[in-house]
Amino acid sequence: MDIDFEAGTFLVDKPQGASSFYIVRKVRKALGMKKVGHAGTLDPFATGLLVVCAGRSATKMIGQIMEGDKEYITTLRLGVETSTLDPEGEVTATHSVGSLSENVIEKCLEQFRGEQLQIPPIYSALKHKGKPLYYYARKGIAVEKPPRSVTIHTLERIDGGLEVSDDSPYLTLRVVCTKGTYIRTLGADIGKILGCGAYLTTLRRMRSGCFHVRDSIAGEDLLKEDAKIRLMNKVLSVSDVCNLLQ
């Protein structure tokens, strides 16, 4: 069945291991069109909401879509640091976690709530002289960007609030923040304050502005023969998005 389509927005639940551009390529192939882009990169190890716009009138709205706050669920592995601040890098240091009480952890989290300056990680898609920072980092060149102002509206534990120790070194958090906030950097900074280091083992984007992952199409569905039909069953028209962004 052929489906006429000019422009629209799709919410995709990106699976772990896939790059954001990989998802864009699959949407391009399914729709048979070139003008497709996403509204905010997710690292390959991360999962969750990727907003994909197709067609000129939809891709023109990407900047506006990206302005919205983001919500994430993330798990930190305390006591270990990696070069990329996530599972994709090499382990650079290990430390004893000791015994961290609920009160100690809460006092640490309190320091990161609200407006603050954050230094983007050297392994990121942020551009420097036309190339992403990770391009330089992979060549052993650490390019540091100046700190940027971000706001963390919500930072809370969702793992029961138990004591964290060497036997149980994981911390699961819910984060609601402004655009441009790097959760990998937040995780590493929390590890520094706790005195044991940390990296993200998982990261899932639940929401971007008014768009939620519960309304998305599974990324795996883009590999199926009827991918276009599955996409069209979930398409948001340009007018739909305009109304949602008001």
Protein backbone atom coordinates (compact mmCIF):
# COMPACT_ATOMS: atom_id res chain seq x y z
CA MET A 1 0.00 0.00 0.00
CA ASP A 2 1.46 3.37 -1.02
CA ILE A 3 1.02 6.25 1.42
CA ASP A 4 1.35 9.87 0.27
CA PHE A 5 3.40 11.83 2.78
CA GLU A 6 4.94 15.31 2.73
CA ALA A 7 5.95 16.17 6.29
CA GLY A 8 5.47 15.08 9.88
CA THR A 9 7.10 14.20 13.19
CA PHE A 10 7.67 10.74 14.65
CA LEU A 11 8.53 9.66 18.17
CA VAL A 12 10.91 6.71 18.19
CA ASP A 13 12.02 4.64 21.18
CA LYS A 14 15.70 4.25 20.30
CA PRO A 15 17.16 0.87 21.28
CA GLN A 16 20.51 0.46 22.99
CA GLY A 17 23.48 0.25 20.63
CA ALA A 18 21.93 2.24 17.79
CA SER A 19 23.14 5.73 17.00
CA SER A 20 20.68 8.57 16.54
CA PHE A 21 21.77 8.89 12.90
CA TYR A 22 21.11 5.17 12.39
CA ILE A 23 17.48 5.77 13.39
CA VAL A 24 17.30 8.74 11.02
CA ARG A 25 18.61 6.55 8.17
CA LYS A 26 15.98 3.90 8.87
CA VAL A 27 13.20 6.51 8.84
CA ARG A 28 14.56 7.91 5.57
CA LYS A 29 14.52 4.46 4.02
CA ALA A 30 11.02 3.63 5.30
CA LEU A 31 9.56 6.91 4.03
CA GLY A 32 11.65 7.10 0.85
CA MET A 33 12.70 10.70 1.48
CA LYS A 34 15.96 12.50 2.21
CA LYS A 35 14.84 15.46 4.34
CA VAL A 36 14.86 13.76 7.77
CA GLY A 37 16.54 14.88 11.00
CA HIS A 38 16.29 14.39 14.76
CA ALA A 39 15.67 16.88 17.55
CA GLY A 40 18.43 16.02 20.01
CA THR A 41 21.10 13.31 19.95
CA LEU A 42 21.03 10.23 22.14
CA ASP A 43 24.33 8.39 22.67
CA PRO A 44 24.44 4.81 21.31
CA PHE A 45 24.42 3.28 24.82
CA ALA A 46 21.31 5.30 25.74
CA THR A 47 17.70 4.37 25.00
CA GLY A 48 14.42 6.20 24.83
CA LEU A 49 12.75 9.07 23.09
CA LEU A 50 14.20 10.35 19.83
CA VAL A 51 12.06 12.96 18.07
CA VAL A 52 12.45 12.56 14.30
CA CYS A 53 11.17 15.12 11.82
CA ALA A 54 10.64 14.36 8.11
CA GLY A 55 9.90 16.82 5.31
CA ARG A 56 10.96 20.45 5.02
CA SER A 57 8.08 22.00 7.00
CA ALA A 58 8.69 19.55 9.85
CA THR A 59 12.49 19.80 9.98
CA LYS A 60 12.15 23.60 10.20
CA MET A 61 10.62 23.01 13.66
CA ILE A 62 13.56 21.02 15.07
CA GLY A 63 15.08 24.05 16.81
CA GLN A 64 11.80 24.85 18.52
CA ILE A 65 11.23 21.23 19.54
CA MET A 66 14.69 21.05 21.12
CA GLU A 67 13.96 23.98 23.44
CA GLY A 68 11.82 21.88 25.77
CA ASP A 69 12.98 20.41 29.09
CA LYS A 70 14.20 16.80 29.10
CA GLU A 71 13.46 13.96 31.51
CA TYR A 72 15.80 11.01 32.01
CA ILE A 73 16.13 7.89 34.11
CA THR A 74 19.76 6.97 34.70
CA THR A 75 21.81 4.52 36.74
CA LEU A 76 25.25 5.42 38.08
CA ARG A 77 27.92 2.86 38.90
CA LEU A 78 29.83 4.36 41.80
CA GLY A 79 33.49 3.57 42.41
CA VAL A 80 34.50 3.39 38.75
CA GLU A 81 35.42 6.14 36.26
CA THR A 82 35.63 5.79 32.47
CA SER A 83 37.11 7.94 29.71
CA THR A 84 33.70 8.65 28.16
CA LEU A 85 31.75 8.82 31.47
CA ASP A 86 29.63 5.91 30.19
CA PRO A 87 30.01 2.15 29.42
CA GLU A 88 31.57 2.80 26.00
CA GLY A 89 34.88 4.11 27.35
CA GLU A 90 37.90 2.58 29.02
CA VAL A 91 38.11 2.34 32.80
CA THR A 92 40.43 5.11 33.99
CA ALA A 93 40.15 4.71 37.78
CA THR A 94 38.57 2.58 40.48
CA HIS A 95 37.87 3.56 44.07
CA SER A 96 36.25 2.12 47.16
CA VAL A 97 32.64 3.29 47.55
CA GLY A 98 32.69 2.68 51.28
CA SER A 99 29.30 3.09 52.92
CA LEU A 100 27.14 5.99 51.75
CA SER A 101 23.98 6.66 53.74
CA GLU A 102 20.73 7.97 52.31
CA ASN A 103 21.40 11.29 54.06
CA VAL A 104 24.89 11.66 52.56
CA ILE A 105 23.58 10.96 49.07
CA GLU A 106 20.68 13.40 49.46
CA LYS A 107 23.03 16.18 50.58
CA CYS A 108 25.13 15.51 47.48
CA LEU A 109 22.14 15.59 45.12
CA GLU A 110 20.90 18.83 46.67
CA GLN A 111 24.05 20.58 45.44
CA PHE A 112 23.11 19.86 41.81
CA ARG A 113 19.52 21.09 41.87
CA GLY A 114 18.83 24.45 40.27
CA GLU A 115 20.84 26.63 37.90
CA GLN A 116 24.54 25.88 37.52
CA LEU A 117 27.50 25.92 35.14
CA GLN A 118 28.41 22.63 33.49
CA ILE A 119 31.44 21.78 31.34
CA PRO A 120 30.47 19.65 28.30
CA PRO A 121 32.30 16.28 28.17
CA ILE A 122 35.13 15.93 25.67
CA TYR A 123 33.30 12.92 24.22
CA SER A 124 30.21 14.72 22.92
CA ALA A 125 28.55 15.81 19.68
CA LEU A 126 29.14 19.48 20.50
CA LYS A 127 30.95 21.07 17.56
CA HIS A 128 34.44 22.62 17.50
CA LYS A 129 35.66 24.06 14.20
CA GLY A 130 32.94 22.14 12.38
CA LYS A 131 33.68 18.74 13.93
CA PRO A 132 32.16 17.07 17.03
CA LEU A 133 34.30 16.98 20.17
CA TYR A 134 34.41 13.18 20.09
CA TYR A 135 36.28 13.42 16.76
CA TYR A 136 39.17 15.12 18.55
CA ALA A 137 38.89 12.99 21.71
CA ARG A 138 39.29 9.79 19.68
CA LYS A 139 42.54 11.23 18.33
CA GLY A 140 43.77 11.91 21.85
CA ILE A 141 43.04 15.64 21.65
CA ALA A 142 41.00 16.93 24.57
CA VAL A 143 39.10 20.06 23.48
CA GLU A 144 37.41 21.74 26.42
CA LYS A 145 34.49 24.06 25.86
CA PRO A 146 33.65 26.83 28.33
CA PRO A 147 31.05 26.05 31.02
CA ARG A 148 27.42 26.48 30.01
CA SER A 149 24.49 27.46 32.16
CA VAL A 150 21.97 24.64 32.71
CA THR A 151 19.15 24.11 35.17
CA ILE A 152 18.26 20.84 36.87
CA HIS A 153 14.64 21.11 37.96
CA THR A 154 14.36 17.63 39.48
CA LEU A 155 17.05 15.25 40.74
CA GLU A 156 15.72 12.40 42.84
CA ARG A 157 16.49 8.81 43.71
CA ILE A 158 14.03 6.21 42.47
CA ASP A 159 15.83 3.12 43.75
CA GLY A 160 14.35 3.00 47.24
CA GLY A 161 16.81 5.32 48.94
CA LEU A 162 18.90 2.55 50.48
CA GLU A 163 22.52 2.76 51.58
CA VAL A 164 25.04 2.47 48.76
CA SER A 165 28.21 0.45 49.30
CA ASP A 166 30.89 -1.62 47.56
CA ASP A 167 28.47 -4.55 47.59
CA SER A 168 25.68 -2.44 46.09
CA PRO A 169 27.38 0.43 44.19
CA TYR A 170 24.49 1.57 41.99
CA LEU A 171 22.40 4.72 42.20
CA THR A 172 19.29 5.20 40.03
CA LEU A 173 18.04 8.74 39.48
CA ARG A 174 15.27 10.66 37.76
CA VAL A 175 16.45 13.91 36.21
CA VAL A 176 14.40 16.75 34.71
CA CYS A 177 16.60 19.42 33.18
CA THR A 178 16.94 22.12 30.55
CA LYS A 179 18.29 21.45 27.07
CA GLY A 180 22.05 21.14 26.80
CA THR A 181 22.45 19.35 30.13
CA TYR A 182 24.86 16.42 29.93
CA ILE A 183 23.72 13.61 32.21
CA ARG A 184 27.10 11.88 31.80
CA THR A 185 28.79 14.96 33.24
CA LEU A 186 26.21 15.15 36.02
CA GLY A 187 26.88 11.51 36.92
CA ALA A 188 30.64 12.03 36.99
CA ASP A 189 30.28 15.19 39.09
CA ILE A 190 28.06 13.36 41.59
CA GLY A 191 30.74 10.68 41.85
CA LYS A 192 33.37 13.35 42.57
CA ILE A 193 31.31 14.91 45.36
CA LEU A 194 30.71 11.48 46.89
CA GLY A 195 34.45 10.89 46.75
CA CYS A 196 34.41 7.64 44.80
CA GLY A 197 33.87 8.56 41.15
CA ALA A 198 31.05 7.29 38.93
CA TYR A 199 29.94 6.64 35.37
CA LEU A 200 26.56 6.07 33.75
CA THR A 201 25.67 2.43 33.13
CA THR A 202 22.25 3.23 31.65
CA LEU A 203 20.47 6.32 30.38
CA ARG A 204 16.89 6.48 29.14
CA ARG A 205 15.19 9.64 27.85
CA MET A 206 11.57 9.60 28.92
CA ARG A 207 10.46 13.01 27.71
CA SER A 208 11.50 15.92 25.51
CA GLY A 209 9.29 18.95 26.03
CA CYS A 210 5.69 17.87 25.44
CA PHE A 211 6.70 14.57 23.78
CA HIS A 212 6.83 11.34 25.82
CA VAL A 213 8.39 7.97 25.08
CA ARG A 214 5.10 6.20 25.90
CA ASP A 215 3.70 7.56 22.61
CA SER A 216 6.61 6.34 20.49
CA ILE A 217 7.15 3.59 17.96
CA ALA A 218 9.69 0.92 18.88
CA GLY A 219 12.99 1.42 17.07
CA GLU A 220 12.98 -2.26 16.08
CA ASP A 221 9.78 -1.67 14.11
CA LEU A 222 11.78 0.42 11.64
CA LEU A 223 13.42 -2.80 10.44
CA LYS A 224 10.14 -4.46 9.49
CA GLU A 225 8.72 -4.60 5.99
CA ASP A 226 5.71 -2.52 6.99
CA ALA A 227 7.83 0.14 8.71
CA LYS A 228 6.20 2.97 6.74
CA ILE A 229 2.71 1.89 7.79
CA ARG A 230 3.84 1.63 11.42
CA LEU A 231 5.31 5.13 11.23
CA MET A 232 2.23 6.60 9.61
CA ASN A 233 0.04 5.11 12.33
CA LYS A 234 1.95 7.28 14.82
CA VAL A 235 2.67 10.39 12.74
CA LEU A 236 2.21 13.86 14.19
CA SER A 237 1.33 16.39 11.51
CA VAL A 238 2.98 19.79 11.36
CA SER A 239 -0.21 21.35 12.72
CA ASP A 240 -0.32 18.76 15.52
CA VAL A 241 3.20 19.74 16.59
CA CYS A 242 2.44 23.46 16.29
CA ASN A 243 -0.51 23.02 18.64
CA LEU A 244 1.54 20.99 21.12
CA LEU A 245 4.32 23.57 21.20
CA GLN A 246 2.01 26.51 21.91
